[in-house]
Amino acid sequence: MEIINLIGMLIALLLTMLGVICIYDARKLAKKYFSFHDQNEGSKWFKLGGFFIAMIGIISLYFTIF
């Protein structure tokens, strides 16, 4: 049972890390993966998606610990 909690915590931490990376590197990611004419729009969606991914990771970490 403890190994399942450990795996759950690792997945939650990876989700949180992925979300934070999306938030901070949004403009670089928008340049790299998409050819948007409006980079601000692409970086906005990366930041919004990163925020939601980070929140899902934090909430799942909270419920995995308790």
C-alpha atoms as a PDB file:
ATOM      1  CA  MET A   1       0.000   0.000   0.000  1.00  0.00           C
ATOM      2  CA  GLU A   2       2.871   2.373   0.695  1.00  0.00           C
ATOM      3  CA  ILE A   3       4.387   1.793  -2.738  1.00  0.00           C
ATOM      4  CA  ILE A   4       1.099   2.894  -4.325  1.00  0.00           C
ATOM      5  CA  ASN A   5       1.200   6.117  -2.281  1.00  0.00           C
ATOM      6  CA  LEU A   6       4.804   6.675  -3.342  1.00  0.00           C
ATOM      7  CA  ILE A   7       3.958   6.186  -7.014  1.00  0.00           C
ATOM      8  CA  GLY A   8       0.973   8.505  -6.660  1.00  0.00           C
ATOM      9  CA  MET A   9       3.132  11.179  -5.063  1.00  0.00           C
ATOM     10  CA  LEU A  10       5.745  10.887  -7.815  1.00  0.00           C
ATOM     11  CA  ILE A  11       3.104  11.247 -10.526  1.00  0.00           C
ATOM     12  CA  ALA A  12       1.587  14.242  -8.733  1.00  0.00           C
ATOM     13  CA  LEU A  13       4.995  15.892  -8.381  1.00  0.00           C
ATOM     14  CA  LEU A  14       5.746  15.286 -12.068  1.00  0.00           C
ATOM     15  CA  LEU A  15       2.417  16.855 -13.056  1.00  0.00           C
ATOM     16  CA  THR A  16       3.150  19.864 -10.876  1.00  0.00           C
ATOM     17  CA  MET A  17       6.632  20.190 -12.337  1.00  0.00           C
ATOM     18  CA  LEU A  18       5.267  19.965 -15.881  1.00  0.00           C
ATOM     19  CA  GLY A  19       2.725  22.672 -15.133  1.00  0.00           C
ATOM     20  CA  VAL A  20       5.337  25.014 -13.686  1.00  0.00           C
ATOM     21  CA  ILE A  21       7.610  24.461 -16.680  1.00  0.00           C
ATOM     22  CA  CYS A  22       4.711  25.294 -19.013  1.00  0.00           C
ATOM     23  CA  ILE A  23       4.057  28.500 -17.099  1.00  0.00           C
ATOM     24  CA  TYR A  24       7.637  29.764 -17.068  1.00  0.00           C
ATOM     25  CA  ASP A  25       8.669  28.678 -20.569  1.00  0.00           C
ATOM     26  CA  ALA A  26       5.402  29.472 -22.338  1.00  0.00           C
ATOM     27  CA  ARG A  27       6.888  31.816 -24.927  1.00  0.00           C
ATOM     28  CA  LYS A  28       9.744  29.438 -25.784  1.00  0.00           C
ATOM     29  CA  LEU A  29       7.330  26.517 -26.074  1.00  0.00           C
ATOM     30  CA  ALA A  30       4.981  28.511 -28.293  1.00  0.00           C
ATOM     31  CA  LYS A  31       7.868  29.389 -30.616  1.00  0.00           C
ATOM     32  CA  LYS A  32       9.163  25.833 -30.689  1.00  0.00           C
ATOM     33  CA  TYR A  33       5.990  23.809 -31.233  1.00  0.00           C
ATOM     34  CA  PHE A  34       3.645  26.138 -33.074  1.00  0.00           C
ATOM     35  CA  SER A  35       3.945  28.645 -35.855  1.00  0.00           C
ATOM     36  CA  PHE A  36       1.511  31.175 -34.473  1.00  0.00           C
ATOM     37  CA  HIS A  37       1.306  34.576 -36.020  1.00  0.00           C
ATOM     38  CA  ASP A  38       0.347  35.887 -32.608  1.00  0.00           C
ATOM     39  CA  GLN A  39       2.797  34.534 -30.024  1.00  0.00           C
ATOM     40  CA  ASN A  40       0.998  36.238 -27.175  1.00  0.00           C
ATOM     41  CA  GLU A  41      -2.080  34.118 -27.795  1.00  0.00           C
ATOM     42  CA  GLY A  42      -0.040  30.910 -27.837  1.00  0.00           C
ATOM     43  CA  SER A  43       1.862  31.768 -24.684  1.00  0.00           C
ATOM     44  CA  LYS A  44      -1.403  32.704 -22.956  1.00  0.00           C
ATOM     45  CA  TRP A  45      -2.823  29.254 -23.622  1.00  0.00           C
ATOM     46  CA  PHE A  46       0.394  27.563 -22.501  1.00  0.00           C
ATOM     47  CA  LYS A  47       0.294  29.515 -19.242  1.00  0.00           C
ATOM     48  CA  LEU A  48      -3.362  28.720 -18.694  1.00  0.00           C
ATOM     49  CA  GLY A  49      -2.829  25.036 -19.415  1.00  0.00           C
ATOM     50  CA  GLY A  50       0.249  24.942 -17.204  1.00  0.00           C
ATOM     51  CA  PHE A  51      -1.713  26.499 -14.358  1.00  0.00           C
ATOM     52  CA  PHE A  52      -4.435  23.867 -14.602  1.00  0.00           C
ATOM     53  CA  ILE A  53      -1.910  21.024 -14.868  1.00  0.00           C
ATOM     54  CA  ALA A  54      -0.050  22.334 -11.810  1.00  0.00           C
ATOM     55  CA  MET A  55      -3.293  22.627  -9.845  1.00  0.00           C
ATOM     56  CA  ILE A  56      -4.289  19.067 -10.748  1.00  0.00           C
ATOM     57  CA  GLY A  57      -0.867  17.885  -9.587  1.00  0.00           C
ATOM     58  CA  ILE A  58      -1.067  19.797  -6.297  1.00  0.00           C
ATOM     59  CA  ILE A  59      -4.604  18.607  -5.556  1.00  0.00           C
ATOM     60  CA  SER A  60      -3.732  14.992  -6.333  1.00  0.00           C
ATOM     61  CA  LEU A  61      -0.621  15.292  -4.144  1.00  0.00           C
ATOM     62  CA  TYR A  62      -2.772  16.595  -1.300  1.00  0.00           C
ATOM     63  CA  PHE A  63      -5.178  13.678  -1.555  1.00  0.00           C
ATOM     64  CA  THR A  64      -2.373  11.154  -1.932  1.00  0.00           C
ATOM     65  CA  ILE A  65      -0.684  12.291   1.266  1.00  0.00           C
ATOM     66  CA  PHE A  66      -3.865  12.356   3.372  1.00  0.00           C
END
